[in-house]
């Protein structure tokens, strides 16, 4: 099942025979806490064995960002649903940074964190392997929160220097 539905009947219909599920919220959709409540309820009713929830790395209780607060709240809603859930707090995706590196070089994109901050972007392919591993072999993952990162830390300037495309 995929889509942007927050309808209980639509979500419920998609859970027939499902034993493992991935919940990925959109940082741009304001109803993600509601969507996580419906998803969690339907997953519990369906007897789902594991849910992987993918939110944003800096989601936490004390954030000042409304978007990050939404991510933190939907994680808590899934925890309260009484289903086995694993949270993935993904940071920056390598693929996205290849796109913005040119904009950084051109001075057309300013990252929303300090220039001295360093990031270890994760490749979508690696994240996909992690999600598949948890969904297919859930033992030991329920109740855990993972922060998948890439192998190298990059500064804002180094991200701008990535050779992605012609200027």
Protein backbone atom coordinates (compact mmCIF):
# COMPACT_ATOMS: atom_id res chain seq x y z
CA UNK A 1 0.00 0.00 0.00
CA UNK A 2 1.28 3.46 -0.77
CA UNK A 3 -0.25 6.85 -0.91
CA UNK A 4 -1.16 9.87 1.08
CA UNK A 5 -4.45 8.70 2.53
CA UNK A 6 -5.40 9.43 6.11
CA UNK A 7 -8.69 7.59 5.79
CA UNK A 8 -9.05 4.66 8.18
CA UNK A 9 -11.01 2.58 5.67
CA UNK A 10 -8.43 3.12 2.93
CA UNK A 11 -5.53 2.24 5.22
CA UNK A 12 -7.41 -0.75 6.65
CA UNK A 13 -8.07 -2.16 3.18
CA UNK A 14 -4.34 -2.02 2.43
CA UNK A 15 -3.36 -4.10 5.46
CA UNK A 16 -4.98 -7.39 4.41
CA UNK A 17 -2.39 -10.14 4.93
CA UNK A 18 0.42 -7.68 5.75
CA UNK A 19 2.85 -8.76 8.48
CA UNK A 20 5.37 -5.90 8.19
CA UNK A 21 4.87 -2.27 7.18
CA UNK A 22 6.83 0.91 6.51
CA UNK A 23 5.44 4.27 7.61
CA UNK A 24 7.09 7.25 5.91
CA UNK A 25 5.66 10.62 6.72
CA UNK A 26 5.99 13.76 4.70
CA UNK A 27 7.54 16.77 6.36
CA UNK A 28 5.23 18.94 4.29
CA UNK A 29 1.89 17.35 5.26
CA UNK A 30 0.26 18.86 8.36
CA UNK A 31 -1.83 15.79 9.23
CA UNK A 32 1.01 13.31 9.84
CA UNK A 33 0.19 12.83 13.53
CA UNK A 34 -3.37 11.89 12.54
CA UNK A 35 -2.03 9.63 9.78
CA UNK A 36 0.29 7.86 12.24
CA UNK A 37 -2.62 7.31 14.65
CA UNK A 38 -4.74 5.71 11.92
CA UNK A 39 -1.78 3.69 10.64
CA UNK A 40 -0.92 2.46 14.15
CA UNK A 41 -4.51 1.53 14.98
CA UNK A 42 -5.01 -0.38 11.73
CA UNK A 43 -1.61 -2.10 12.07
CA UNK A 44 -2.56 -3.26 15.58
CA UNK A 45 -5.95 -4.53 14.42
CA UNK A 46 -4.27 -6.39 11.54
CA UNK A 47 -1.73 -8.04 13.87
CA UNK A 48 1.27 -6.56 12.06
CA UNK A 49 4.53 -8.01 13.45
CA UNK A 50 6.73 -4.94 12.84
CA UNK A 51 6.38 -1.35 11.66
CA UNK A 52 9.36 0.67 10.53
CA UNK A 53 8.74 4.40 10.90
CA UNK A 54 11.05 6.76 9.04
CA UNK A 55 11.25 10.30 10.36
CA UNK A 56 13.86 13.05 10.41
CA UNK A 57 17.14 12.88 12.30
CA UNK A 58 16.72 15.87 14.60
CA UNK A 59 13.14 15.08 15.67
CA UNK A 60 12.96 15.43 19.44
CA UNK A 61 10.76 16.72 22.25
CA UNK A 62 12.61 20.02 22.76
CA UNK A 63 12.77 21.13 19.13
CA UNK A 64 11.66 24.59 18.12
CA UNK A 65 10.75 23.41 14.62
CA UNK A 66 7.06 22.61 14.07
CA UNK A 67 8.03 20.09 11.35
CA UNK A 68 10.44 18.23 13.65
CA UNK A 69 7.87 18.30 16.45
CA UNK A 70 5.39 16.60 14.09
CA UNK A 71 7.96 13.88 13.42
CA UNK A 72 8.62 13.38 17.13
CA UNK A 73 4.88 13.27 17.89
CA UNK A 74 4.11 10.69 15.21
CA UNK A 75 6.88 8.50 16.61
CA UNK A 76 5.23 8.72 20.05
CA UNK A 77 1.78 7.98 18.58
CA UNK A 78 3.13 4.80 16.96
CA UNK A 79 4.81 3.87 20.26
CA UNK A 80 1.50 4.32 22.11
CA UNK A 81 -0.37 2.21 19.54
CA UNK A 82 0.97 -0.95 21.14
CA UNK A 83 2.57 -2.29 17.98
CA UNK A 84 6.17 -3.41 17.51
CA UNK A 85 7.81 -0.37 15.94
CA UNK A 86 11.34 0.58 14.95
CA UNK A 87 12.11 4.23 14.27
CA UNK A 88 14.65 5.31 11.67
CA UNK A 89 15.75 8.90 12.00
CA UNK A 90 17.39 9.46 8.68
CA UNK A 91 19.64 12.45 8.20
CA UNK A 92 20.53 13.88 4.85
CA UNK A 93 20.23 11.75 1.75
CA UNK A 94 23.27 11.62 -0.53
CA UNK A 95 21.10 11.83 -3.62
CA UNK A 96 19.48 15.08 -2.48
CA UNK A 97 22.86 16.64 -1.73
CA UNK A 98 24.08 15.90 -5.25
CA UNK A 99 21.25 18.13 -6.45
CA UNK A 100 21.80 21.00 -4.00
CA UNK A 101 25.60 20.99 -4.20
CA UNK A 102 25.47 23.02 -7.42
CA UNK A 103 23.04 25.49 -5.84
CA UNK A 104 25.36 25.84 -2.82
CA UNK A 105 28.32 26.53 -5.12
CA UNK A 106 26.31 29.15 -6.97
CA UNK A 107 25.24 30.81 -3.71
CA UNK A 108 21.57 30.08 -4.49
CA UNK A 109 20.93 27.70 -1.60
CA UNK A 110 21.75 28.24 2.04
CA UNK A 111 21.63 25.21 4.31
CA UNK A 112 19.48 25.71 7.43
CA UNK A 113 22.28 24.95 9.90
CA UNK A 114 25.63 26.51 10.83
CA UNK A 115 28.36 26.51 8.18
CA UNK A 116 30.69 24.52 10.46
CA UNK A 117 28.13 21.72 10.91
CA UNK A 118 29.19 18.36 9.50
CA UNK A 119 26.92 15.71 8.01
CA UNK A 120 27.30 12.07 7.03
CA UNK A 121 24.72 11.67 4.24
CA UNK A 122 23.19 8.24 3.78
CA UNK A 123 22.51 6.67 0.38
CA UNK A 124 18.90 5.74 -0.31
CA UNK A 125 20.07 2.29 -1.43
CA UNK A 126 21.73 1.66 1.95
CA UNK A 127 18.63 2.88 3.77
CA UNK A 128 16.51 0.57 1.64
CA UNK A 129 18.67 -2.42 2.60
CA UNK A 130 18.33 -1.53 6.29
CA UNK A 131 14.55 -1.20 6.03
CA UNK A 132 14.27 -4.51 4.16
CA UNK A 133 16.43 -6.26 6.77
CA UNK A 134 14.24 -5.00 9.63
CA UNK A 135 10.97 -5.82 7.86
CA UNK A 136 12.05 -9.34 6.90
CA UNK A 137 13.88 -10.21 10.15
CA UNK A 138 12.25 -8.06 12.86
CA UNK A 139 13.60 -9.94 15.90
CA UNK A 140 15.41 -7.53 18.21
CA UNK A 141 14.44 -4.36 16.36
CA UNK A 142 11.10 -3.47 17.99
CA UNK A 143 11.37 -0.56 20.39
CA UNK A 144 14.66 0.63 18.91
CA UNK A 145 15.56 3.91 17.23
CA UNK A 146 18.33 3.90 14.65
CA UNK A 147 20.14 6.84 13.09
CA UNK A 148 21.46 5.63 9.73
CA UNK A 149 24.33 7.73 8.43
CA UNK A 150 26.88 7.48 5.67
CA UNK A 151 30.56 6.65 6.14
CA UNK A 152 32.00 10.17 5.72
CA UNK A 153 31.35 13.51 7.46
CA UNK A 154 31.14 16.50 5.12
CA UNK A 155 31.08 20.22 5.85
CA UNK A 156 28.74 22.61 4.11
CA UNK A 157 31.61 23.77 1.87
CA UNK A 158 32.56 20.17 1.01
CA UNK A 159 28.97 19.40 0.04
CA UNK A 160 29.09 22.40 -2.29
CA UNK A 161 32.24 20.97 -3.88
CA UNK A 162 30.61 17.64 -4.78
CA UNK A 163 31.03 17.00 -8.51
CA UNK A 164 27.42 16.42 -9.44
CA UNK A 165 26.77 18.33 -12.56
CA UNK A 166 27.89 21.20 -14.75
CA UNK A 167 27.20 24.74 -13.55
